[in-house]
Amino acid sequence: MAYRRRVPIQNITGVAAGQTATIDLPVQRRYHGIMLHYTESGAATNQANTDAAIEEIEILLNARTQRKFSAAELRVMNAHHGAPFAFQNGLLPLYFSEPWRRTPGDEDFLAWALEGNGIESFQIRVKIAAGRTAPALAGRAIFDNARMSDGKPFPLGRIMTTRRRNIDVSGTGPRTLLDMPRNLGDLASLHCFENTNNDISAVRISVEQNEAYNLTRAQANAYLTAAGKVPQTGVFHAVMDDTGRAADVLPMRKNGGRDYVDELQIEFDMAAANNFTMIAEFHGGPL
């Protein structure tokens, strides 16, 4: 019988201030999420202390990075999905299947079905800042061992991966990116973490000179709010799949999937000449 299980994570090592904790997880599972619990001196940390303590979380398959972000960035990206995903003290939720999707099928579409799919290692690294007092890390894995109708494990199809980069800005007005990779999967969203709120006034995205997204900040926030999202202060969320449908991402392939698109252009209309950090989310195979 296949059902979701929520069990403690056993293999967590290297938890100490100024160190990177390592979590090694079994691969004979279909993962829906990992819930990490961070405490200091036995108490779950509040938002400010969690943000300060957890400098980076990195998720790897076969020793290759699939996602990387700070606790603060994770908190913001989760919270924009709505009130159920707002911060709770000490909790660091890593979602693989996505409970904010419209249907159960869409929710499980991006689950990490690792069993029988060439995945030999699944590891999470958590970098803890120096100077923290008695840090501790625990967690729960949420997974099942569901099978297809023929009894075989589900294939590892699309998963959500991220790439983070710093964007240098030299002046106000358009700041154009032409070097965004097109081989990481279909583009789901851009989360742009500003130096100061409202640094970015609009975002435009084109694929092979066909405009796919052109919204001001007010328009983007209004549409996200109408879709049940909660836009976060100091972040421009450019979301392709705000419908809640996993298929409503921006394709990076053409000709029936045989070729990558030739051009992806992203333009930021900068109201202030401040650098910012961008985390892009993709739907595709493991990186």
C-alpha atoms as a PDB file:
ATOM      1  CA  MET A   1       0.000   0.000   0.000  1.00  0.00           C
ATOM      2  CA  ALA A   2       1.349   3.436  -0.962  1.00  0.00           C
ATOM      3  CA  TYR A   3       0.828   6.273   1.473  1.00  0.00           C
ATOM      4  CA  ARG A   4       2.769   9.331   2.569  1.00  0.00           C
ATOM      5  CA  ARG A   5       5.096   8.750   5.473  1.00  0.00           C
ATOM      6  CA  ARG A   6       6.548  11.385   7.801  1.00  0.00           C
ATOM      7  CA  VAL A   7       9.578   9.995   9.592  1.00  0.00           C
ATOM      8  CA  PRO A   8      12.594  11.441  11.435  1.00  0.00           C
ATOM      9  CA  ILE A   9      15.800  11.966   9.501  1.00  0.00           C
ATOM     10  CA  GLN A  10      18.618   9.939  11.022  1.00  0.00           C
ATOM     11  CA  ASN A  11      21.827  10.910   9.221  1.00  0.00           C
ATOM     12  CA  ILE A  12      22.564  14.523  10.178  1.00  0.00           C
ATOM     13  CA  THR A  13      26.234  15.244  10.890  1.00  0.00           C
ATOM     14  CA  GLY A  14      28.495  18.255  11.391  1.00  0.00           C
ATOM     15  CA  VAL A  15      25.985  20.504  13.167  1.00  0.00           C
ATOM     16  CA  ALA A  16      28.019  23.297  14.752  1.00  0.00           C
ATOM     17  CA  ALA A  17      28.447  27.043  14.562  1.00  0.00           C
ATOM     18  CA  GLY A  18      30.603  28.023  11.612  1.00  0.00           C
ATOM     19  CA  GLN A  19      30.231  24.577  10.020  1.00  0.00           C
ATOM     20  CA  THR A  20      28.180  22.964   7.252  1.00  0.00           C
ATOM     21  CA  ALA A  21      25.847  20.222   8.434  1.00  0.00           C
ATOM     22  CA  THR A  22      25.342  17.278   6.079  1.00  0.00           C
ATOM     23  CA  ILE A  23      22.167  15.234   5.672  1.00  0.00           C
ATOM     24  CA  ASP A  24      22.330  12.000   3.670  1.00  0.00           C
ATOM     25  CA  LEU A  25      18.976  10.568   2.646  1.00  0.00           C
ATOM     26  CA  PRO A  26      17.943   7.181   1.196  1.00  0.00           C
ATOM     27  CA  VAL A  27      17.178   7.150  -2.521  1.00  0.00           C
ATOM     28  CA  GLN A  28      14.613   4.287  -2.506  1.00  0.00           C
ATOM     29  CA  ARG A  29      11.727   6.726  -2.151  1.00  0.00           C
ATOM     30  CA  ARG A  30       9.523   9.273  -3.893  1.00  0.00           C
ATOM     31  CA  TYR A  31      10.055  12.458  -1.889  1.00  0.00           C
ATOM     32  CA  HIS A  32       7.377  15.096  -1.363  1.00  0.00           C
ATOM     33  CA  GLY A  33       9.314  17.278   1.054  1.00  0.00           C
ATOM     34  CA  ILE A  34      11.845  17.682   3.828  1.00  0.00           C
ATOM     35  CA  MET A  35      10.985  19.631   6.971  1.00  0.00           C
ATOM     36  CA  LEU A  36      14.100  20.851   8.779  1.00  0.00           C
ATOM     37  CA  HIS A  37      13.857  22.065  12.374  1.00  0.00           C
ATOM     38  CA  TYR A  38      16.540  24.454  13.620  1.00  0.00           C
ATOM     39  CA  THR A  39      16.987  25.297  17.307  1.00  0.00           C
ATOM     40  CA  GLU A  40      19.471  27.141  19.498  1.00  0.00           C
ATOM     41  CA  SER A  41      19.866  26.200  23.151  1.00  0.00           C
ATOM     42  CA  GLY A  42      16.866  23.919  22.721  1.00  0.00           C
ATOM     43  CA  ALA A  43      14.432  26.576  21.448  1.00  0.00           C
ATOM     44  CA  ALA A  44      13.115  27.103  17.922  1.00  0.00           C
ATOM     45  CA  THR A  45      14.578  30.325  16.533  1.00  0.00           C
ATOM     46  CA  ASN A  46      12.472  33.295  15.489  1.00  0.00           C
ATOM     47  CA  GLN A  47      12.574  34.744  11.982  1.00  0.00           C
ATOM     48  CA  ALA A  48      15.501  37.106  12.536  1.00  0.00           C
ATOM     49  CA  ASN A  49      17.657  34.450  14.199  1.00  0.00           C
ATOM     50  CA  THR A  50      16.790  31.784  11.648  1.00  0.00           C
ATOM     51  CA  ASP A  51      17.686  34.140   8.808  1.00  0.00           C
ATOM     52  CA  ALA A  52      20.970  35.038  10.499  1.00  0.00           C
ATOM     53  CA  ALA A  53      21.896  31.487  11.488  1.00  0.00           C
ATOM     54  CA  ILE A  54      21.267  29.559   8.262  1.00  0.00           C
ATOM     55  CA  GLU A  55      23.494  31.122   5.646  1.00  0.00           C
ATOM     56  CA  GLU A  56      22.890  28.581   2.922  1.00  0.00           C
ATOM     57  CA  ILE A  57      20.915  25.434   2.126  1.00  0.00           C
ATOM     58  CA  GLU A  58      22.096  23.311  -0.795  1.00  0.00           C
ATOM     59  CA  ILE A  59      20.250  20.276  -2.183  1.00  0.00           C
ATOM     60  CA  LEU A  60      22.202  17.780  -4.283  1.00  0.00           C
ATOM     61  CA  LEU A  61      21.460  14.695  -6.373  1.00  0.00           C
ATOM     62  CA  ASN A  62      24.430  12.588  -7.426  1.00  0.00           C
ATOM     63  CA  ALA A  63      26.672  15.312  -5.937  1.00  0.00           C
ATOM     64  CA  ARG A  64      25.263  17.934  -8.326  1.00  0.00           C
ATOM     65  CA  THR A  65      23.527  21.044  -6.992  1.00  0.00           C
ATOM     66  CA  GLN A  66      19.791  21.182  -7.702  1.00  0.00           C
ATOM     67  CA  ARG A  67      18.807  24.074  -5.420  1.00  0.00           C
ATOM     68  CA  LYS A  68      20.709  26.636  -3.367  1.00  0.00           C
ATOM     69  CA  PHE A  69      19.438  29.532  -1.266  1.00  0.00           C
ATOM     70  CA  SER A  70      19.690  31.134   2.175  1.00  0.00           C
ATOM     71  CA  ALA A  71      17.099  30.631   4.893  1.00  0.00           C
ATOM     72  CA  ALA A  72      15.865  34.176   4.289  1.00  0.00           C
ATOM     73  CA  GLU A  73      15.435  33.535   0.558  1.00  0.00           C
ATOM     74  CA  LEU A  74      13.661  30.231   1.208  1.00  0.00           C
ATOM     75  CA  ARG A  75      11.331  31.942   3.672  1.00  0.00           C
ATOM     76  CA  VAL A  76      10.365  34.598   1.136  1.00  0.00           C
ATOM     77  CA  MET A  77       9.830  32.158  -1.737  1.00  0.00           C
ATOM     78  CA  ASN A  78       7.664  29.915   0.438  1.00  0.00           C
ATOM     79  CA  ALA A  79       5.680  32.801   1.929  1.00  0.00           C
ATOM     80  CA  HIS A  80       4.726  34.226  -1.449  1.00  0.00           C
ATOM     81  CA  HIS A  81       2.628  31.076  -2.053  1.00  0.00           C
ATOM     82  CA  GLY A  82       0.148  32.181   0.620  1.00  0.00           C
ATOM     83  CA  ALA A  83      -0.630  32.226   4.324  1.00  0.00           C
ATOM     84  CA  PRO A  84      -0.276  28.437   4.889  1.00  0.00           C
ATOM     85  CA  PHE A  85       3.384  28.720   3.859  1.00  0.00           C
ATOM     86  CA  ALA A  86       4.332  31.672   6.072  1.00  0.00           C
ATOM     87  CA  PHE A  87       7.306  31.397   8.423  1.00  0.00           C
ATOM     88  CA  GLN A  88       7.084  29.326  11.596  1.00  0.00           C
ATOM     89  CA  ASN A  89       9.807  29.493  14.236  1.00  0.00           C
ATOM     90  CA  GLY A  90      12.760  27.267  13.404  1.00  0.00           C
ATOM     91  CA  LEU A  91      11.016  25.527  10.503  1.00  0.00           C
ATOM     92  CA  LEU A  92      12.725  25.274   7.105  1.00  0.00           C
ATOM     93  CA  PRO A  93      10.297  23.554   4.691  1.00  0.00           C
ATOM     94  CA  LEU A  94      11.760  22.162   1.470  1.00  0.00           C
ATOM     95  CA  TYR A  95       8.907  21.294  -0.885  1.00  0.00           C
ATOM     96  CA  PHE A  96       9.375  18.856  -3.773  1.00  0.00           C
ATOM     97  CA  SER A  97       5.750  18.142  -4.589  1.00  0.00           C
ATOM     98  CA  GLU A  98       3.935  21.475  -4.368  1.00  0.00           C
ATOM     99  CA  PRO A  99       0.845  21.664  -2.109  1.00  0.00           C
ATOM    100  CA  TRP A 100      -0.203  25.068  -3.512  1.00  0.00           C
ATOM    101  CA  ARG A 101      -1.072  23.509  -6.891  1.00  0.00           C
ATOM    102  CA  ARG A 102      -4.698  23.336  -8.061  1.00  0.00           C
ATOM    103  CA  THR A 103      -5.041  19.561  -8.338  1.00  0.00           C
ATOM    104  CA  PRO A 104      -3.493  16.499  -6.660  1.00  0.00           C
ATOM    105  CA  GLY A 105      -1.981  15.538  -9.998  1.00  0.00           C
ATOM    106  CA  ASP A 106      -0.272  18.906 -10.347  1.00  0.00           C
ATOM    107  CA  GLU A 107       0.847  18.737  -6.715  1.00  0.00           C
ATOM    108  CA  ASP A 108       2.642  15.412  -7.205  1.00  0.00           C
ATOM    109  CA  PHE A 109       3.887  16.256 -10.711  1.00  0.00           C
ATOM    110  CA  LEU A 110       7.219  17.594  -9.416  1.00  0.00           C
ATOM    111  CA  ALA A 111       7.795  15.015  -6.639  1.00  0.00           C
ATOM    112  CA  TRP A 112      11.317  13.600  -6.572  1.00  0.00           C
ATOM    113  CA  ALA A 113      10.853   9.949  -7.590  1.00  0.00           C
ATOM    114  CA  LEU A 114      14.412   8.776  -6.957  1.00  0.00           C
ATOM    115  CA  GLU A 115      13.994   5.000  -6.702  1.00  0.00           C
ATOM    116  CA  GLY A 116      15.176   3.082  -9.757  1.00  0.00           C
ATOM    117  CA  ASN A 117      16.068   6.202 -11.721  1.00  0.00           C
ATOM    118  CA  GLY A 118      19.842   6.336 -11.613  1.00  0.00           C
ATOM    119  CA  ILE A 119      20.088   8.467  -8.476  1.00  0.00           C
ATOM    120  CA  GLU A 120      22.850   7.160  -6.223  1.00  0.00           C
ATOM    121  CA  SER A 121      22.986   9.942  -3.622  1.00  0.00           C
ATOM    122  CA  PHE A 122      20.626  12.550  -2.164  1.00  0.00           C
ATOM    123  CA  GLN A 123      22.237  15.072   0.158  1.00  0.00           C
ATOM    124  CA  ILE A 124      21.307  18.354   1.834  1.00  0.00           C
ATOM    125  CA  ARG A 125      23.965  20.718   3.174  1.00  0.00           C
ATOM    126  CA  VAL A 126      23.106  23.403   5.710  1.00  0.00           C
ATOM    127  CA  LYS A 127      25.687  26.125   6.385  1.00  0.00           C
ATOM    128  CA  ILE A 128      25.411  27.494   9.928  1.00  0.00           C
ATOM    129  CA  ALA A 129      26.844  30.923  10.701  1.00  0.00           C
ATOM    130  CA  ALA A 130      29.732  31.359  13.107  1.00  0.00           C
ATOM    131  CA  GLY A 131      28.959  32.575  16.610  1.00  0.00           C
ATOM    132  CA  ARG A 132      25.610  30.811  17.020  1.00  0.00           C
ATOM    133  CA  THR A 133      24.829  29.384  20.471  1.00  0.00           C
ATOM    134  CA  ALA A 134      24.234  25.624  20.789  1.00  0.00           C
ATOM    135  CA  PRO A 135      22.761  25.108  17.303  1.00  0.00           C
ATOM    136  CA  ALA A 136      20.880  21.886  16.600  1.00  0.00           C
ATOM    137  CA  LEU A 137      19.245  20.541  13.464  1.00  0.00           C
ATOM    138  CA  ALA A 138      16.602  17.844  13.115  1.00  0.00           C
ATOM    139  CA  GLY A 139      14.112  16.997  10.423  1.00  0.00           C
ATOM    140  CA  ARG A 140      11.334  14.890   8.983  1.00  0.00           C
ATOM    141  CA  ALA A 141      11.223  13.341   5.522  1.00  0.00           C
ATOM    142  CA  ILE A 142       7.870  13.199   3.728  1.00  0.00           C
ATOM    143  CA  PHE A 143       7.812  10.441   1.110  1.00  0.00           C
ATOM    144  CA  ASP A 144       5.980   7.475  -0.316  1.00  0.00           C
ATOM    145  CA  ASN A 145       6.864   4.330  -2.240  1.00  0.00           C
ATOM    146  CA  ALA A 146       4.090   4.613  -4.792  1.00  0.00           C
ATOM    147  CA  ARG A 147       4.234   2.457  -7.911  1.00  0.00           C
ATOM    148  CA  MET A 148       2.761   2.652 -11.372  1.00  0.00           C
ATOM    149  CA  SER A 149       0.011   0.225 -12.393  1.00  0.00           C
ATOM    150  CA  ASP A 150       2.626  -2.275 -13.616  1.00  0.00           C
ATOM    151  CA  GLY A 151       4.336  -2.280 -10.217  1.00  0.00           C
ATOM    152  CA  LYS A 152       7.408  -0.337 -11.367  1.00  0.00           C
ATOM    153  CA  PRO A 153       8.607   2.846  -9.608  1.00  0.00           C
ATOM    154  CA  PHE A 154       7.507   6.137 -11.073  1.00  0.00           C
ATOM    155  CA  PRO A 155      10.035   7.676 -13.460  1.00  0.00           C
ATOM    156  CA  LEU A 156      11.955  10.719 -12.319  1.00  0.00           C
ATOM    157  CA  GLY A 157      10.325  13.282 -14.546  1.00  0.00           C
ATOM    158  CA  ARG A 158      10.421  17.014 -14.010  1.00  0.00           C
ATOM    159  CA  ILE A 159      11.654  18.492 -10.782  1.00  0.00           C
ATOM    160  CA  MET A 160      11.970  22.109  -9.687  1.00  0.00           C
ATOM    161  CA  THR A 161      15.556  23.373  -9.598  1.00  0.00           C
ATOM    162  CA  THR A 162      16.950  26.815  -8.843  1.00  0.00           C
ATOM    163  CA  ARG A 163      19.830  28.989  -9.934  1.00  0.00           C
ATOM    164  CA  ARG A 164      20.920  32.084  -8.005  1.00  0.00           C
ATOM    165  CA  ARG A 165      22.955  34.929  -9.432  1.00  0.00           C
ATOM    166  CA  ASN A 166      23.866  38.477  -8.523  1.00  0.00           C
ATOM    167  CA  ILE A 167      22.802  41.119 -11.045  1.00  0.00           C
ATOM    168  CA  ASP A 168      25.042  44.172 -11.328  1.00  0.00           C
ATOM    169  CA  VAL A 169      23.235  47.437 -12.042  1.00  0.00           C
ATOM    170  CA  SER A 170      25.106  50.538 -13.200  1.00  0.00           C
ATOM    171  CA  GLY A 171      22.226  52.972 -13.651  1.00  0.00           C
ATOM    172  CA  THR A 172      18.491  53.471 -13.778  1.00  0.00           C
ATOM    173  CA  GLY A 173      16.387  52.339 -16.728  1.00  0.00           C
ATOM    174  CA  PRO A 174      16.618  49.022 -18.594  1.00  0.00           C
ATOM    175  CA  ARG A 175      19.015  46.327 -17.370  1.00  0.00           C
ATOM    176  CA  THR A 176      19.001  43.494 -19.910  1.00  0.00           C
ATOM    177  CA  LEU A 177      20.119  39.879 -19.468  1.00  0.00           C
ATOM    178  CA  LEU A 178      20.918  37.887 -22.599  1.00  0.00           C
ATOM    179  CA  ASP A 179      23.037  35.141 -21.013  1.00  0.00           C
ATOM    180  CA  MET A 180      20.383  33.307 -19.019  1.00  0.00           C
ATOM    181  CA  PRO A 181      20.905  29.533 -19.522  1.00  0.00           C
ATOM    182  CA  ARG A 182      18.216  27.853 -21.627  1.00  0.00           C
ATOM    183  CA  ASN A 183      19.215  24.257 -20.871  1.00  0.00           C
ATOM    184  CA  LEU A 184      18.138  24.129 -17.213  1.00  0.00           C
ATOM    185  CA  GLY A 185      14.455  23.471 -17.901  1.00  0.00           C
ATOM    186  CA  ASP A 186      11.361  25.548 -18.557  1.00  0.00           C
ATOM    187  CA  LEU A 187      11.262  28.861 -16.696  1.00  0.00           C
ATOM    188  CA  ALA A 188       8.722  28.902 -13.858  1.00  0.00           C
ATOM    189  CA  SER A 189       9.567  32.107 -12.005  1.00  0.00           C
ATOM    190  CA  LEU A 190      12.115  34.762 -11.119  1.00  0.00           C
ATOM    191  CA  HIS A 191      12.414  36.012  -7.547  1.00  0.00           C
ATOM    192  CA  CYS A 192      14.388  39.266  -7.532  1.00  0.00           C
ATOM    193  CA  PHE A 193      15.639  40.255  -4.055  1.00  0.00           C
ATOM    194  CA  GLU A 194      16.160  44.006  -4.068  1.00  0.00           C
ATOM    195  CA  ASN A 195      18.576  46.152  -2.127  1.00  0.00           C
ATOM    196  CA  THR A 196      15.699  48.544  -1.421  1.00  0.00           C
ATOM    197  CA  ASN A 197      11.985  47.968  -1.902  1.00  0.00           C
ATOM    198  CA  ASN A 198      10.765  49.055  -5.365  1.00  0.00           C
ATOM    199  CA  ASP A 199      14.227  49.155  -6.964  1.00  0.00           C
ATOM    200  CA  ILE A 200      12.666  47.221  -9.879  1.00  0.00           C
ATOM    201  CA  SER A 201       9.607  48.835 -11.416  1.00  0.00           C
ATOM    202  CA  ALA A 202       8.868  46.364 -14.241  1.00  0.00           C
ATOM    203  CA  VAL A 203      10.075  43.104 -15.826  1.00  0.00           C
ATOM    204  CA  ARG A 204       9.871  42.025 -19.459  1.00  0.00           C
ATOM    205  CA  ILE A 205      10.697  38.520 -20.714  1.00  0.00           C
ATOM    206  CA  SER A 206      10.933  37.545 -24.390  1.00  0.00           C
ATOM    207  CA  VAL A 207      11.675  34.245 -26.092  1.00  0.00           C
ATOM    208  CA  GLU A 208      13.038  34.511 -29.628  1.00  0.00           C
ATOM    209  CA  GLN A 209      11.712  38.104 -29.720  1.00  0.00           C
ATOM    210  CA  ASN A 210       8.211  36.989 -28.745  1.00  0.00           C
ATOM    211  CA  GLU A 211       7.076  38.823 -25.626  1.00  0.00           C
ATOM    212  CA  ALA A 212       5.988  36.394 -22.912  1.00  0.00           C
ATOM    213  CA  TYR A 213       5.833  38.622 -19.819  1.00  0.00           C
ATOM    214  CA  ASN A 214       5.559  42.391 -19.491  1.00  0.00           C
ATOM    215  CA  LEU A 215       4.268  43.649 -16.138  1.00  0.00           C
ATOM    216  CA  THR A 216       4.877  46.562 -13.859  1.00  0.00           C
ATOM    217  CA  ARG A 217       5.387  45.821 -10.195  1.00  0.00           C
ATOM    218  CA  ALA A 218       1.849  46.935  -9.347  1.00  0.00           C
ATOM    219  CA  GLN A 219       0.396  44.716 -12.071  1.00  0.00           C
ATOM    220  CA  ALA A 220       2.499  41.711 -11.078  1.00  0.00           C
ATOM    221  CA  ASN A 221       1.514  42.059  -7.418  1.00  0.00           C
ATOM    222  CA  ALA A 222      -2.165  42.509  -8.290  1.00  0.00           C
ATOM    223  CA  TYR A 223      -2.240  39.392 -10.441  1.00  0.00           C
ATOM    224  CA  LEU A 224      -0.396  37.350  -7.826  1.00  0.00           C
ATOM    225  CA  THR A 225      -2.776  38.517  -5.121  1.00  0.00           C
ATOM    226  CA  ALA A 226      -5.747  37.576  -7.305  1.00  0.00           C
ATOM    227  CA  ALA A 227      -4.212  34.104  -7.659  1.00  0.00           C
ATOM    228  CA  GLY A 228      -4.007  33.696  -3.880  1.00  0.00           C
ATOM    229  CA  LYS A 229      -0.325  34.557  -3.582  1.00  0.00           C
ATOM    230  CA  VAL A 230       1.240  37.014  -1.129  1.00  0.00           C
ATOM    231  CA  PRO A 231       3.858  39.253  -2.799  1.00  0.00           C
ATOM    232  CA  GLN A 232       6.725  39.919  -0.417  1.00  0.00           C
ATOM    233  CA  THR A 233       8.204  43.322   0.393  1.00  0.00           C
ATOM    234  CA  GLY A 234      11.549  43.964  -1.292  1.00  0.00           C
ATOM    235  CA  VAL A 235      11.065  41.233  -3.909  1.00  0.00           C
ATOM    236  CA  PHE A 236       9.811  41.385  -7.496  1.00  0.00           C
ATOM    237  CA  HIS A 237       8.163  38.029  -8.243  1.00  0.00           C
ATOM    238  CA  ALA A 238       7.914  37.393 -11.991  1.00  0.00           C
ATOM    239  CA  VAL A 239       5.854  34.197 -12.031  1.00  0.00           C
ATOM    240  CA  MET A 240       4.960  32.270 -15.164  1.00  0.00           C
ATOM    241  CA  ASP A 241       2.749  29.638 -13.525  1.00  0.00           C
ATOM    242  CA  ASP A 242       0.651  31.884 -11.282  1.00  0.00           C
ATOM    243  CA  THR A 243      -2.384  29.945 -12.522  1.00  0.00           C
ATOM    244  CA  GLY A 244      -1.402  27.094 -10.206  1.00  0.00           C
ATOM    245  CA  ARG A 245      -0.969  24.774 -13.184  1.00  0.00           C
ATOM    246  CA  ALA A 246       2.472  23.180 -13.372  1.00  0.00           C
ATOM    247  CA  ALA A 247       2.263  23.150 -17.174  1.00  0.00           C
ATOM    248  CA  ASP A 248       1.989  26.951 -17.399  1.00  0.00           C
ATOM    249  CA  VAL A 249       5.726  27.550 -17.414  1.00  0.00           C
ATOM    250  CA  LEU A 250       7.727  29.283 -20.151  1.00  0.00           C
ATOM    251  CA  PRO A 251       9.087  26.610 -22.527  1.00  0.00           C
ATOM    252  CA  MET A 252      12.794  26.627 -23.269  1.00  0.00           C
ATOM    253  CA  ARG A 253      12.506  24.040 -26.039  1.00  0.00           C
ATOM    254  CA  LYS A 254      11.009  24.123 -29.516  1.00  0.00           C
ATOM    255  CA  ASN A 255      10.486  21.804 -32.502  1.00  0.00           C
ATOM    256  CA  GLY A 256       8.696  19.220 -30.390  1.00  0.00           C
ATOM    257  CA  GLY A 257      11.323  19.416 -27.661  1.00  0.00           C
ATOM    258  CA  ARG A 258      14.241  18.581 -29.959  1.00  0.00           C
ATOM    259  CA  ASP A 259      15.977  21.972 -29.740  1.00  0.00           C
ATOM    260  CA  TYR A 260      16.522  24.698 -27.180  1.00  0.00           C
ATOM    261  CA  VAL A 261      15.144  28.127 -27.960  1.00  0.00           C
ATOM    262  CA  ASP A 262      17.722  30.403 -29.574  1.00  0.00           C
ATOM    263  CA  GLU A 263      17.198  33.426 -27.351  1.00  0.00           C
ATOM    264  CA  LEU A 264      15.897  34.294 -23.903  1.00  0.00           C
ATOM    265  CA  GLN A 265      15.897  37.981 -23.025  1.00  0.00           C
ATOM    266  CA  ILE A 266      15.048  39.352 -19.594  1.00  0.00           C
ATOM    267  CA  GLU A 267      14.811  43.093 -19.052  1.00  0.00           C
ATOM    268  CA  PHE A 268      14.485  44.808 -15.690  1.00  0.00           C
ATOM    269  CA  ASP A 269      13.291  48.401 -15.543  1.00  0.00           C
ATOM    270  CA  MET A 270      15.411  49.786 -12.707  1.00  0.00           C
ATOM    271  CA  ALA A 271      14.046  52.678 -10.669  1.00  0.00           C
ATOM    272  CA  ALA A 272      17.305  52.763  -8.669  1.00  0.00           C
ATOM    273  CA  ALA A 273      20.867  51.821  -9.548  1.00  0.00           C
ATOM    274  CA  ASN A 274      21.183  49.066  -6.949  1.00  0.00           C
ATOM    275  CA  ASN A 275      22.475  45.548  -7.503  1.00  0.00           C
ATOM    276  CA  PHE A 276      20.107  42.689  -6.681  1.00  0.00           C
ATOM    277  CA  THR A 277      20.037  38.916  -6.290  1.00  0.00           C
ATOM    278  CA  MET A 278      17.863  36.801  -8.563  1.00  0.00           C
ATOM    279  CA  ILE A 279      16.757  33.217  -7.972  1.00  0.00           C
ATOM    280  CA  ALA A 280      15.287  31.543 -11.043  1.00  0.00           C
ATOM    281  CA  GLU A 281      13.104  28.449 -10.718  1.00  0.00           C
ATOM    282  CA  PHE A 282      13.056  25.873 -13.522  1.00  0.00           C
ATOM    283  CA  HIS A 283      11.038  22.745 -14.258  1.00  0.00           C
ATOM    284  CA  GLY A 284      13.165  20.081 -15.934  1.00  0.00           C
ATOM    285  CA  GLY A 285      15.306  17.047 -15.325  1.00  0.00           C
ATOM    286  CA  PRO A 286      17.955  16.894 -12.597  1.00  0.00           C
ATOM    287  CA  LEU A 287      20.903  19.178 -13.324  1.00  0.00           C
END
